[in-house]
Amino acid sequence: MGTAVPPQHPLRQLFGALTERSFTERLGWPDSNVAGYVSNLLVDFTHTDNLYKIRTSQDQPADTVVDLLFESEVMLDAQSFEREREVHRHIGDFTLFMAGLFPEYLRRLKTAGLIYHKDFLVDYMKTGKRSYGIVAEFGDHGAEIDPPLFRKLSDNFELCVTGLGFVRSDLERMSDPGYQRVKGLLLN
């Protein structure tokens, strides 16, 4: 399930540097655990199969927050605790990613033209905060889950979204042809 990007891949280095800079210098929040988590999230979500890794009971990708919330509630078997935590973590990740990197998508969801979109009434900020909070509460029962990290992500969700906005700005600037020309002149 999902596609892994190797640890030494240049994308990890790029997103790591941009995220660290955004969170430390621009936000004044030098928390390497949070910056590392957000950086890894960016890398993981470069593959859409990771972005839509949660499957419905009909084995379809859950591609809306409404579908993800539904999946978090329909836990019927003995593994329901693990599944619920996994789905809530993904809801937090998905909403953070979309709100931070694609705010225009969220604005477009609220327009009359998309009133029939399942996420029309979903508040991504509140939903992401809540889901990370649930993961933090569940964290005491799972070896790999770091409750303090998810508590920080929940308590500072808006700040994380802002940090991702700075990363997006840096990526846009880096792809600008004028920036590339100046960079070439300065480095040659």
N, C-alpha and C. Protein backbone atom coordinates (compact mmCIF):
# COMPACT_ATOMS: atom_id res chain seq x y z
N MET A 1 0.84 -1.17 0.00
CA MET A 1 0.00 0.00 0.00
C MET A 1 0.89 1.24 0.00
N GLY A 2 0.76 2.08 -0.99
CA GLY A 2 1.54 3.30 -1.07
C GLY A 2 2.90 3.03 -1.71
N THR A 3 3.52 4.10 -2.13
CA THR A 3 4.82 4.02 -2.76
C THR A 3 5.82 4.78 -1.90
N ALA A 4 6.95 4.16 -1.61
CA ALA A 4 7.97 4.79 -0.77
C ALA A 4 9.01 5.49 -1.64
N VAL A 5 9.43 6.66 -1.19
CA VAL A 5 10.52 7.39 -1.83
C VAL A 5 11.77 7.08 -1.00
N PRO A 6 12.85 6.66 -1.66
CA PRO A 6 14.07 6.27 -0.92
C PRO A 6 14.57 7.41 -0.01
N PRO A 7 15.21 7.05 1.11
CA PRO A 7 15.67 8.05 2.09
C PRO A 7 16.63 9.10 1.52
N GLN A 8 17.48 8.75 0.56
CA GLN A 8 18.45 9.70 0.03
C GLN A 8 17.99 10.40 -1.24
N HIS A 9 16.73 10.27 -1.58
CA HIS A 9 16.20 10.87 -2.81
C HIS A 9 16.30 12.40 -2.72
N PRO A 10 16.64 13.06 -3.84
CA PRO A 10 16.76 14.53 -3.84
C PRO A 10 15.48 15.25 -3.40
N LEU A 11 14.31 14.67 -3.66
CA LEU A 11 13.07 15.30 -3.19
C LEU A 11 13.04 15.43 -1.68
N ARG A 12 13.52 14.40 -0.98
CA ARG A 12 13.57 14.45 0.49
C ARG A 12 14.48 15.58 0.94
N GLN A 13 15.60 15.74 0.26
CA GLN A 13 16.54 16.81 0.62
C GLN A 13 15.92 18.18 0.35
N LEU A 14 15.29 18.33 -0.81
CA LEU A 14 14.67 19.60 -1.17
C LEU A 14 13.54 19.96 -0.20
N PHE A 15 12.59 19.05 -0.02
CA PHE A 15 11.47 19.34 0.88
C PHE A 15 11.92 19.50 2.32
N GLY A 16 12.95 18.75 2.71
CA GLY A 16 13.49 18.89 4.07
C GLY A 16 14.05 20.29 4.28
N ALA A 17 14.84 20.77 3.33
CA ALA A 17 15.44 22.10 3.46
C ALA A 17 14.37 23.20 3.42
N LEU A 18 13.43 23.09 2.50
CA LEU A 18 12.38 24.11 2.39
C LEU A 18 11.49 24.14 3.63
N THR A 19 11.14 22.97 4.12
CA THR A 19 10.26 22.90 5.29
C THR A 19 10.99 23.43 6.52
N GLU A 20 12.22 23.01 6.71
CA GLU A 20 13.01 23.48 7.86
C GLU A 20 13.14 25.00 7.83
N ARG A 21 13.43 25.54 6.67
CA ARG A 21 13.57 27.00 6.53
C ARG A 21 12.26 27.71 6.82
N SER A 22 11.18 27.19 6.26
CA SER A 22 9.88 27.83 6.46
C SER A 22 9.46 27.82 7.92
N PHE A 23 9.62 26.68 8.57
CA PHE A 23 9.17 26.57 9.96
C PHE A 23 10.12 27.29 10.92
N THR A 24 11.41 27.20 10.69
CA THR A 24 12.37 27.79 11.62
C THR A 24 12.52 29.29 11.40
N GLU A 25 12.81 29.69 10.17
CA GLU A 25 13.10 31.10 9.90
C GLU A 25 11.84 31.95 9.74
N ARG A 26 10.90 31.48 8.97
CA ARG A 26 9.73 32.31 8.68
C ARG A 26 8.68 32.27 9.78
N LEU A 27 8.48 31.10 10.36
CA LEU A 27 7.47 30.98 11.43
C LEU A 27 8.08 31.17 12.81
N GLY A 28 9.40 31.05 12.92
CA GLY A 28 10.05 31.14 14.22
C GLY A 28 9.72 29.95 15.11
N TRP A 29 9.52 28.80 14.50
CA TRP A 29 9.14 27.58 15.22
C TRP A 29 10.15 26.48 14.89
N PRO A 30 11.28 26.46 15.59
CA PRO A 30 12.34 25.50 15.27
C PRO A 30 12.11 24.11 15.86
N ASP A 31 11.03 23.47 15.48
CA ASP A 31 10.71 22.13 15.96
C ASP A 31 11.04 21.14 14.85
N SER A 32 12.17 20.46 15.00
CA SER A 32 12.64 19.57 13.93
C SER A 32 11.71 18.36 13.75
N ASN A 33 11.02 17.94 14.80
CA ASN A 33 10.09 16.81 14.65
C ASN A 33 8.91 17.19 13.77
N VAL A 34 8.35 18.35 14.00
CA VAL A 34 7.21 18.81 13.19
C VAL A 34 7.67 19.07 11.76
N ALA A 35 8.77 19.79 11.59
CA ALA A 35 9.27 20.08 10.24
C ALA A 35 9.60 18.79 9.50
N GLY A 36 10.19 17.82 10.18
CA GLY A 36 10.51 16.54 9.56
C GLY A 36 9.26 15.78 9.15
N TYR A 37 8.26 15.80 10.01
CA TYR A 37 7.01 15.11 9.68
C TYR A 37 6.35 15.73 8.45
N VAL A 38 6.28 17.07 8.43
CA VAL A 38 5.65 17.77 7.32
C VAL A 38 6.45 17.55 6.04
N SER A 39 7.76 17.57 6.14
CA SER A 39 8.61 17.32 4.98
C SER A 39 8.38 15.92 4.42
N ASN A 40 8.31 14.92 5.30
CA ASN A 40 8.05 13.55 4.85
C ASN A 40 6.66 13.43 4.23
N LEU A 41 5.71 14.16 4.78
CA LEU A 41 4.36 14.17 4.21
C LEU A 41 4.39 14.67 2.77
N LEU A 42 5.13 15.76 2.53
CA LEU A 42 5.24 16.30 1.17
C LEU A 42 5.84 15.26 0.22
N VAL A 43 6.89 14.62 0.67
CA VAL A 43 7.54 13.60 -0.17
C VAL A 43 6.58 12.45 -0.44
N ASP A 44 5.94 11.96 0.60
CA ASP A 44 5.03 10.82 0.42
C ASP A 44 3.88 11.14 -0.52
N PHE A 45 3.36 12.36 -0.43
CA PHE A 45 2.21 12.73 -1.24
C PHE A 45 2.58 13.13 -2.67
N THR A 46 3.87 13.05 -3.03
CA THR A 46 4.21 13.25 -4.44
C THR A 46 3.67 12.11 -5.29
N HIS A 47 3.36 11.00 -4.64
CA HIS A 47 2.71 9.86 -5.30
C HIS A 47 1.23 9.88 -4.95
N THR A 48 0.38 10.01 -5.94
CA THR A 48 -1.06 10.10 -5.66
C THR A 48 -1.61 8.84 -5.01
N ASP A 49 -0.95 7.70 -5.20
CA ASP A 49 -1.44 6.51 -4.52
C ASP A 49 -1.28 6.64 -3.00
N ASN A 50 -0.34 7.45 -2.55
CA ASN A 50 -0.21 7.73 -1.11
C ASN A 50 -1.26 8.75 -0.66
N LEU A 51 -1.55 9.70 -1.51
CA LEU A 51 -2.55 10.71 -1.19
C LEU A 51 -3.93 10.08 -1.02
N TYR A 52 -4.19 9.05 -1.79
CA TYR A 52 -5.49 8.36 -1.75
C TYR A 52 -5.33 6.91 -1.29
N LYS A 53 -4.47 6.68 -0.30
CA LYS A 53 -4.17 5.31 0.12
C LYS A 53 -5.27 4.64 0.93
N ILE A 54 -6.13 5.40 1.56
CA ILE A 54 -7.21 4.81 2.33
C ILE A 54 -8.28 4.32 1.36
N ARG A 55 -8.65 3.06 1.52
CA ARG A 55 -9.64 2.44 0.64
C ARG A 55 -10.96 2.29 1.38
N THR A 56 -12.05 2.43 0.65
CA THR A 56 -13.38 2.24 1.22
C THR A 56 -13.66 0.76 1.36
N SER A 57 -14.77 0.43 1.98
CA SER A 57 -15.16 -0.98 2.11
C SER A 57 -15.44 -1.61 0.74
N GLN A 58 -15.68 -0.77 -0.28
CA GLN A 58 -15.86 -1.27 -1.66
C GLN A 58 -14.54 -1.28 -2.42
N ASP A 59 -13.42 -1.12 -1.69
CA ASP A 59 -12.07 -1.12 -2.25
C ASP A 59 -11.84 -0.01 -3.27
N GLN A 60 -12.48 1.12 -3.05
CA GLN A 60 -12.27 2.31 -3.87
C GLN A 60 -11.45 3.31 -3.06
N PRO A 61 -10.64 4.14 -3.72
CA PRO A 61 -9.90 5.15 -2.96
C PRO A 61 -10.86 6.16 -2.33
N ALA A 62 -10.64 6.45 -1.05
CA ALA A 62 -11.42 7.50 -0.38
C ALA A 62 -10.77 8.82 -0.78
N ASP A 63 -11.41 9.54 -1.70
CA ASP A 63 -10.78 10.73 -2.26
C ASP A 63 -11.38 12.04 -1.79
N THR A 64 -12.25 11.99 -0.79
CA THR A 64 -12.77 13.20 -0.18
C THR A 64 -12.67 13.05 1.33
N VAL A 65 -12.69 14.16 2.03
CA VAL A 65 -12.64 14.12 3.49
C VAL A 65 -13.91 13.46 4.03
N VAL A 66 -15.03 13.70 3.38
CA VAL A 66 -16.28 13.07 3.81
C VAL A 66 -16.15 11.54 3.75
N ASP A 67 -15.58 11.02 2.67
CA ASP A 67 -15.36 9.57 2.56
C ASP A 67 -14.41 9.08 3.65
N LEU A 68 -13.38 9.85 3.92
CA LEU A 68 -12.42 9.47 4.96
C LEU A 68 -13.08 9.46 6.34
N LEU A 69 -13.90 10.48 6.61
CA LEU A 69 -14.61 10.53 7.90
C LEU A 69 -15.55 9.35 8.04
N PHE A 70 -16.21 9.01 6.95
CA PHE A 70 -17.10 7.84 6.98
C PHE A 70 -16.31 6.58 7.29
N GLU A 71 -15.15 6.43 6.65
CA GLU A 71 -14.32 5.25 6.89
C GLU A 71 -13.83 5.19 8.34
N SER A 72 -13.62 6.34 8.94
CA SER A 72 -13.16 6.35 10.34
C SER A 72 -14.26 5.90 11.29
N GLU A 73 -15.49 5.95 10.85
CA GLU A 73 -16.62 5.60 11.70
C GLU A 73 -17.13 4.18 11.50
N VAL A 74 -16.78 3.52 10.42
CA VAL A 74 -17.32 2.19 10.13
C VAL A 74 -16.32 1.09 10.43
N MET A 75 -15.81 1.11 11.65
CA MET A 75 -14.84 0.11 12.07
C MET A 75 -15.59 -1.01 12.78
N LEU A 76 -15.67 -2.17 12.15
CA LEU A 76 -16.49 -3.24 12.70
C LEU A 76 -15.67 -4.43 13.21
N ASP A 77 -14.44 -4.60 12.78
CA ASP A 77 -13.69 -5.79 13.17
C ASP A 77 -12.75 -5.52 14.34
N ALA A 78 -11.98 -6.49 14.72
CA ALA A 78 -11.08 -6.38 15.87
C ALA A 78 -9.95 -5.37 15.64
N GLN A 79 -9.64 -5.08 14.38
CA GLN A 79 -8.59 -4.13 14.07
C GLN A 79 -9.13 -2.71 13.95
N SER A 80 -10.32 -2.47 14.43
CA SER A 80 -10.94 -1.17 14.24
C SER A 80 -10.15 -0.04 14.88
N PHE A 81 -9.53 -0.30 16.03
CA PHE A 81 -8.74 0.73 16.70
C PHE A 81 -7.60 1.19 15.80
N GLU A 82 -6.85 0.24 15.25
CA GLU A 82 -5.73 0.56 14.35
C GLU A 82 -6.22 1.28 13.10
N ARG A 83 -7.31 0.79 12.55
CA ARG A 83 -7.85 1.38 11.33
C ARG A 83 -8.33 2.80 11.58
N GLU A 84 -9.03 3.01 12.69
CA GLU A 84 -9.53 4.35 13.00
C GLU A 84 -8.37 5.32 13.16
N ARG A 85 -7.33 4.90 13.86
CA ARG A 85 -6.16 5.77 14.05
C ARG A 85 -5.50 6.07 12.71
N GLU A 86 -5.34 5.04 11.87
CA GLU A 86 -4.73 5.22 10.55
C GLU A 86 -5.54 6.20 9.70
N VAL A 87 -6.85 6.07 9.73
CA VAL A 87 -7.70 6.94 8.92
C VAL A 87 -7.65 8.37 9.45
N HIS A 88 -7.69 8.55 10.77
CA HIS A 88 -7.62 9.91 11.31
C HIS A 88 -6.27 10.56 11.04
N ARG A 89 -5.22 9.77 11.11
CA ARG A 89 -3.90 10.33 10.77
C ARG A 89 -3.90 10.79 9.32
N HIS A 90 -4.48 9.99 8.44
CA HIS A 90 -4.53 10.35 7.03
C HIS A 90 -5.42 11.59 6.81
N ILE A 91 -6.51 11.69 7.56
CA ILE A 91 -7.36 12.88 7.44
C ILE A 91 -6.56 14.12 7.81
N GLY A 92 -5.82 14.04 8.92
CA GLY A 92 -4.97 15.17 9.31
C GLY A 92 -3.96 15.50 8.22
N ASP A 93 -3.29 14.47 7.70
CA ASP A 93 -2.29 14.67 6.65
C ASP A 93 -2.91 15.26 5.39
N PHE A 94 -4.02 14.69 4.97
CA PHE A 94 -4.68 15.13 3.73
C PHE A 94 -5.15 16.58 3.85
N THR A 95 -5.80 16.92 4.95
CA THR A 95 -6.31 18.29 5.11
C THR A 95 -5.17 19.28 5.25
N LEU A 96 -4.10 18.91 5.93
CA LEU A 96 -2.93 19.79 6.06
C LEU A 96 -2.32 20.04 4.69
N PHE A 97 -2.12 18.97 3.94
CA PHE A 97 -1.53 19.06 2.61
C PHE A 97 -2.37 19.96 1.69
N MET A 98 -3.66 19.69 1.64
CA MET A 98 -4.53 20.45 0.74
C MET A 98 -4.65 21.92 1.17
N ALA A 99 -4.82 22.15 2.46
CA ALA A 99 -4.97 23.53 2.95
C ALA A 99 -3.68 24.33 2.79
N GLY A 100 -2.54 23.67 2.97
CA GLY A 100 -1.27 24.37 2.88
C GLY A 100 -0.78 24.60 1.47
N LEU A 101 -0.95 23.62 0.61
CA LEU A 101 -0.41 23.73 -0.74
C LEU A 101 -1.44 24.13 -1.79
N PHE A 102 -2.70 23.86 -1.53
CA PHE A 102 -3.74 24.13 -2.52
C PHE A 102 -4.92 24.89 -1.93
N PRO A 103 -4.67 26.05 -1.33
CA PRO A 103 -5.78 26.80 -0.72
C PRO A 103 -6.83 27.24 -1.75
N GLU A 104 -6.41 27.42 -2.98
CA GLU A 104 -7.38 27.80 -4.01
C GLU A 104 -8.37 26.67 -4.27
N TYR A 105 -7.95 25.44 -4.10
CA TYR A 105 -8.86 24.30 -4.23
C TYR A 105 -9.94 24.38 -3.15
N LEU A 106 -9.54 24.68 -1.94
CA LEU A 106 -10.51 24.78 -0.84
C LEU A 106 -11.48 25.94 -1.08
N ARG A 107 -10.95 27.05 -1.58
CA ARG A 107 -11.84 28.19 -1.90
C ARG A 107 -12.82 27.80 -3.00
N ARG A 108 -12.34 27.05 -3.98
CA ARG A 108 -13.20 26.63 -5.09
C ARG A 108 -14.30 25.68 -4.61
N LEU A 109 -13.99 24.85 -3.60
CA LEU A 109 -15.01 23.95 -3.05
C LEU A 109 -16.20 24.71 -2.51
N LYS A 110 -15.97 25.92 -2.04
CA LYS A 110 -17.03 26.70 -1.40
C LYS A 110 -17.86 27.51 -2.40
N THR A 111 -17.50 27.46 -3.68
CA THR A 111 -18.25 28.23 -4.67
C THR A 111 -19.51 27.48 -5.07
N ALA A 112 -20.46 28.21 -5.57
CA ALA A 112 -21.76 27.63 -5.94
C ALA A 112 -21.61 26.54 -7.01
N GLY A 113 -20.61 26.66 -7.87
CA GLY A 113 -20.44 25.69 -8.95
C GLY A 113 -20.11 24.29 -8.46
N LEU A 114 -19.55 24.18 -7.25
CA LEU A 114 -19.18 22.87 -6.72
C LEU A 114 -20.04 22.46 -5.53
N ILE A 115 -21.25 23.01 -5.44
CA ILE A 115 -22.10 22.73 -4.29
C ILE A 115 -22.38 21.24 -4.13
N TYR A 116 -22.23 20.48 -5.17
CA TYR A 116 -22.51 19.05 -5.09
C TYR A 116 -21.27 18.23 -4.72
N HIS A 117 -20.14 18.89 -4.53
CA HIS A 117 -18.94 18.18 -4.09
C HIS A 117 -19.15 17.73 -2.64
N LYS A 118 -18.76 16.52 -2.33
CA LYS A 118 -18.97 15.96 -0.99
C LYS A 118 -18.36 16.82 0.12
N ASP A 119 -17.25 17.48 -0.16
CA ASP A 119 -16.56 18.26 0.86
C ASP A 119 -17.02 19.72 0.92
N PHE A 120 -18.12 20.04 0.26
CA PHE A 120 -18.61 21.42 0.21
C PHE A 120 -18.73 22.04 1.60
N LEU A 121 -19.24 21.30 2.57
CA LEU A 121 -19.46 21.84 3.91
C LEU A 121 -18.36 21.48 4.91
N VAL A 122 -17.31 20.83 4.46
CA VAL A 122 -16.23 20.42 5.37
C VAL A 122 -15.29 21.58 5.63
N ASP A 123 -15.00 21.83 6.89
CA ASP A 123 -14.00 22.81 7.29
C ASP A 123 -12.68 22.04 7.45
N TYR A 124 -11.81 22.16 6.46
CA TYR A 124 -10.56 21.39 6.47
C TYR A 124 -9.71 21.70 7.69
N MET A 125 -9.69 22.95 8.12
CA MET A 125 -8.87 23.33 9.27
C MET A 125 -9.37 22.64 10.54
N LYS A 126 -10.64 22.75 10.82
CA LYS A 126 -11.19 22.13 12.03
C LYS A 126 -11.09 20.61 11.97
N THR A 127 -11.34 20.05 10.80
CA THR A 127 -11.31 18.60 10.64
C THR A 127 -9.89 18.07 10.82
N GLY A 128 -8.91 18.76 10.25
CA GLY A 128 -7.51 18.34 10.40
C GLY A 128 -7.05 18.41 11.85
N LYS A 129 -7.36 19.53 12.51
CA LYS A 129 -7.01 19.68 13.93
C LYS A 129 -7.62 18.55 14.75
N ARG A 130 -8.90 18.30 14.53
CA ARG A 130 -9.61 17.28 15.29
C ARG A 130 -9.01 15.90 15.06
N SER A 131 -8.71 15.58 13.80
CA SER A 131 -8.17 14.25 13.49
C SER A 131 -6.79 14.04 14.10
N TYR A 132 -5.92 15.03 14.01
CA TYR A 132 -4.60 14.90 14.65
C TYR A 132 -4.77 14.79 16.17
N GLY A 133 -5.75 15.48 16.74
CA GLY A 133 -6.02 15.36 18.17
C GLY A 133 -6.44 13.95 18.54
N ILE A 134 -7.26 13.34 17.70
CA ILE A 134 -7.69 11.95 17.95
C ILE A 134 -6.48 11.01 17.88
N VAL A 135 -5.61 11.21 16.90
CA VAL A 135 -4.40 10.38 16.79
C VAL A 135 -3.54 10.56 18.04
N ALA A 136 -3.42 11.77 18.54
CA ALA A 136 -2.64 12.01 19.75
C ALA A 136 -3.23 11.25 20.94
N GLU A 137 -4.55 11.22 21.03
CA GLU A 137 -5.21 10.48 22.12
C GLU A 137 -4.99 8.98 21.97
N PHE A 138 -5.03 8.48 20.74
CA PHE A 138 -4.82 7.05 20.49
C PHE A 138 -3.36 6.67 20.67
N GLY A 139 -2.48 7.63 20.56
CA GLY A 139 -1.05 7.37 20.52
C GLY A 139 -0.50 6.53 21.64
N ASP A 140 -1.09 6.59 22.80
CA ASP A 140 -0.57 5.82 23.93
C ASP A 140 -0.61 4.33 23.68
N HIS A 141 -1.42 3.89 22.74
CA HIS A 141 -1.59 2.45 22.51
C HIS A 141 -0.75 1.93 21.35
N GLY A 142 -0.10 2.79 20.60
CA GLY A 142 0.66 2.34 19.43
C GLY A 142 2.13 2.65 19.56
N ALA A 143 2.96 1.71 19.24
CA ALA A 143 4.41 1.88 19.40
C ALA A 143 4.98 2.94 18.46
N GLU A 144 4.48 3.01 17.22
CA GLU A 144 5.08 3.93 16.25
C GLU A 144 4.50 5.34 16.33
N ILE A 145 3.41 5.52 17.01
CA ILE A 145 2.76 6.82 17.08
C ILE A 145 3.41 7.66 18.17
N ASP A 146 3.66 8.92 17.87
CA ASP A 146 4.27 9.86 18.80
C ASP A 146 3.20 10.85 19.25
N PRO A 147 2.53 10.59 20.39
CA PRO A 147 1.44 11.47 20.81
C PRO A 147 1.83 12.95 20.91
N PRO A 148 3.02 13.29 21.47
CA PRO A 148 3.35 14.72 21.53
C PRO A 148 3.43 15.37 20.14
N LEU A 149 3.95 14.64 19.15
CA LEU A 149 4.02 15.19 17.79
C LEU A 149 2.62 15.48 17.27
N PHE A 150 1.72 14.54 17.41
CA PHE A 150 0.37 14.74 16.87
C PHE A 150 -0.41 15.76 17.68
N ARG A 151 -0.11 15.91 18.96
CA ARG A 151 -0.71 16.97 19.77
C ARG A 151 -0.24 18.32 19.24
N LYS A 152 1.07 18.44 18.93
CA LYS A 152 1.59 19.70 18.36
C LYS A 152 0.95 19.99 17.01
N LEU A 153 0.82 18.96 16.17
CA LEU A 153 0.20 19.16 14.86
C LEU A 153 -1.25 19.62 15.02
N SER A 154 -1.96 19.07 15.99
CA SER A 154 -3.34 19.47 16.24
C SER A 154 -3.42 20.89 16.79
N ASP A 155 -2.63 21.16 17.82
CA ASP A 155 -2.69 22.47 18.48
C ASP A 155 -2.20 23.60 17.58
N ASN A 156 -1.33 23.28 16.63
CA ASN A 156 -0.72 24.30 15.77
C ASN A 156 -1.04 24.07 14.29
N PHE A 157 -2.21 23.52 14.03
CA PHE A 157 -2.57 23.15 12.66
C PHE A 157 -2.48 24.36 11.72
N GLU A 158 -3.03 25.49 12.14
CA GLU A 158 -3.02 26.69 11.29
C GLU A 158 -1.60 27.14 10.99
N LEU A 159 -0.72 27.04 11.98
CA LEU A 159 0.68 27.41 11.79
C LEU A 159 1.34 26.48 10.78
N CYS A 160 1.03 25.19 10.86
CA CYS A 160 1.57 24.23 9.89
C CYS A 160 1.07 24.54 8.48
N VAL A 161 -0.19 24.91 8.35
CA VAL A 161 -0.74 25.29 7.04
C VAL A 161 0.02 26.50 6.50
N THR A 162 0.27 27.48 7.37
CA THR A 162 1.02 28.66 6.95
C THR A 162 2.43 28.28 6.52
N GLY A 163 3.07 27.39 7.26
CA GLY A 163 4.41 26.92 6.89
C GLY A 163 4.42 26.26 5.53
N LEU A 164 3.40 25.44 5.26
CA LEU A 164 3.30 24.82 3.94
C LEU A 164 3.06 25.86 2.85
N GLY A 165 2.34 26.91 3.18
CA GLY A 165 2.15 28.01 2.23
C GLY A 165 3.48 28.65 1.85
N PHE A 166 4.38 28.79 2.83
CA PHE A 166 5.72 29.32 2.54
C PHE A 166 6.50 28.35 1.66
N VAL A 167 6.38 27.07 1.91
CA VAL A 167 7.04 26.06 1.07
C VAL A 167 6.52 26.18 -0.36
N ARG A 168 5.21 26.32 -0.50
CA ARG A 168 4.64 26.46 -1.84
C ARG A 168 5.20 27.70 -2.54
N SER A 169 5.28 28.82 -1.83
CA SER A 169 5.84 30.05 -2.41
C SER A 169 7.28 29.84 -2.87
N ASP A 170 8.06 29.14 -2.06
CA ASP A 170 9.45 28.86 -2.45
C ASP A 170 9.50 27.98 -3.70
N LEU A 171 8.63 26.97 -3.75
CA LEU A 171 8.61 26.10 -4.94
C LEU A 171 8.20 26.87 -6.19
N GLU A 172 7.23 27.77 -6.05
CA GLU A 172 6.80 28.58 -7.20
C GLU A 172 7.93 29.49 -7.65
N ARG A 173 8.61 30.11 -6.70
CA ARG A 173 9.72 31.00 -7.04
C ARG A 173 10.83 30.22 -7.74
N MET A 174 11.12 29.02 -7.24
CA MET A 174 12.19 28.20 -7.82
C MET A 174 11.87 27.76 -9.24
N SER A 175 10.59 27.63 -9.57
CA SER A 175 10.23 27.19 -10.92
C SER A 175 10.11 28.36 -11.89
N ASP A 176 10.22 29.58 -11.39
CA ASP A 176 10.13 30.77 -12.24
C ASP A 176 11.38 30.84 -13.12
N PRO A 177 11.20 31.01 -14.44
CA PRO A 177 12.36 31.07 -15.35
C PRO A 177 13.34 32.19 -15.00
N GLY A 178 12.83 33.32 -14.55
CA GLY A 178 13.71 34.43 -14.16
C GLY A 178 14.60 34.04 -12.99
N TYR A 179 14.04 33.36 -12.05
CA TYR A 179 14.81 32.89 -10.89
C TYR A 179 15.89 31.92 -11.36
N GLN A 180 15.55 31.04 -12.28
CA GLN A 180 16.50 30.07 -12.78
C GLN A 180 17.67 30.76 -13.50
N ARG A 181 17.37 31.83 -14.27
CA ARG A 181 18.44 32.57 -14.97
C ARG A 181 19.37 33.24 -13.97
N VAL A 182 18.79 33.91 -12.97
CA VAL A 182 19.62 34.61 -11.97
C VAL A 182 20.45 33.59 -11.18
N LYS A 183 19.86 32.49 -10.83
CA LYS A 183 20.57 31.43 -10.11
C LYS A 183 21.74 30.95 -10.95
N GLY A 184 21.49 30.74 -12.25
CA GLY A 184 22.56 30.30 -13.16
C GLY A 184 23.68 31.30 -13.25
N LEU A 185 23.36 32.58 -13.31
CA LEU A 185 24.38 33.62 -13.38
C LEU A 185 25.19 33.69 -12.09
N LEU A 186 24.51 33.59 -10.97
CA LEU A 186 25.20 33.71 -9.69
C LEU A 186 26.06 32.50 -9.36
N LEU A 187 25.64 31.34 -9.80
CA LEU A 187 26.39 30.12 -9.47
C LEU A 187 27.46 29.76 -10.49
N ASN A 188 27.51 30.48 -11.61
CA ASN A 188 28.52 30.18 -12.62
C ASN A 188 29.67 31.14 -12.55
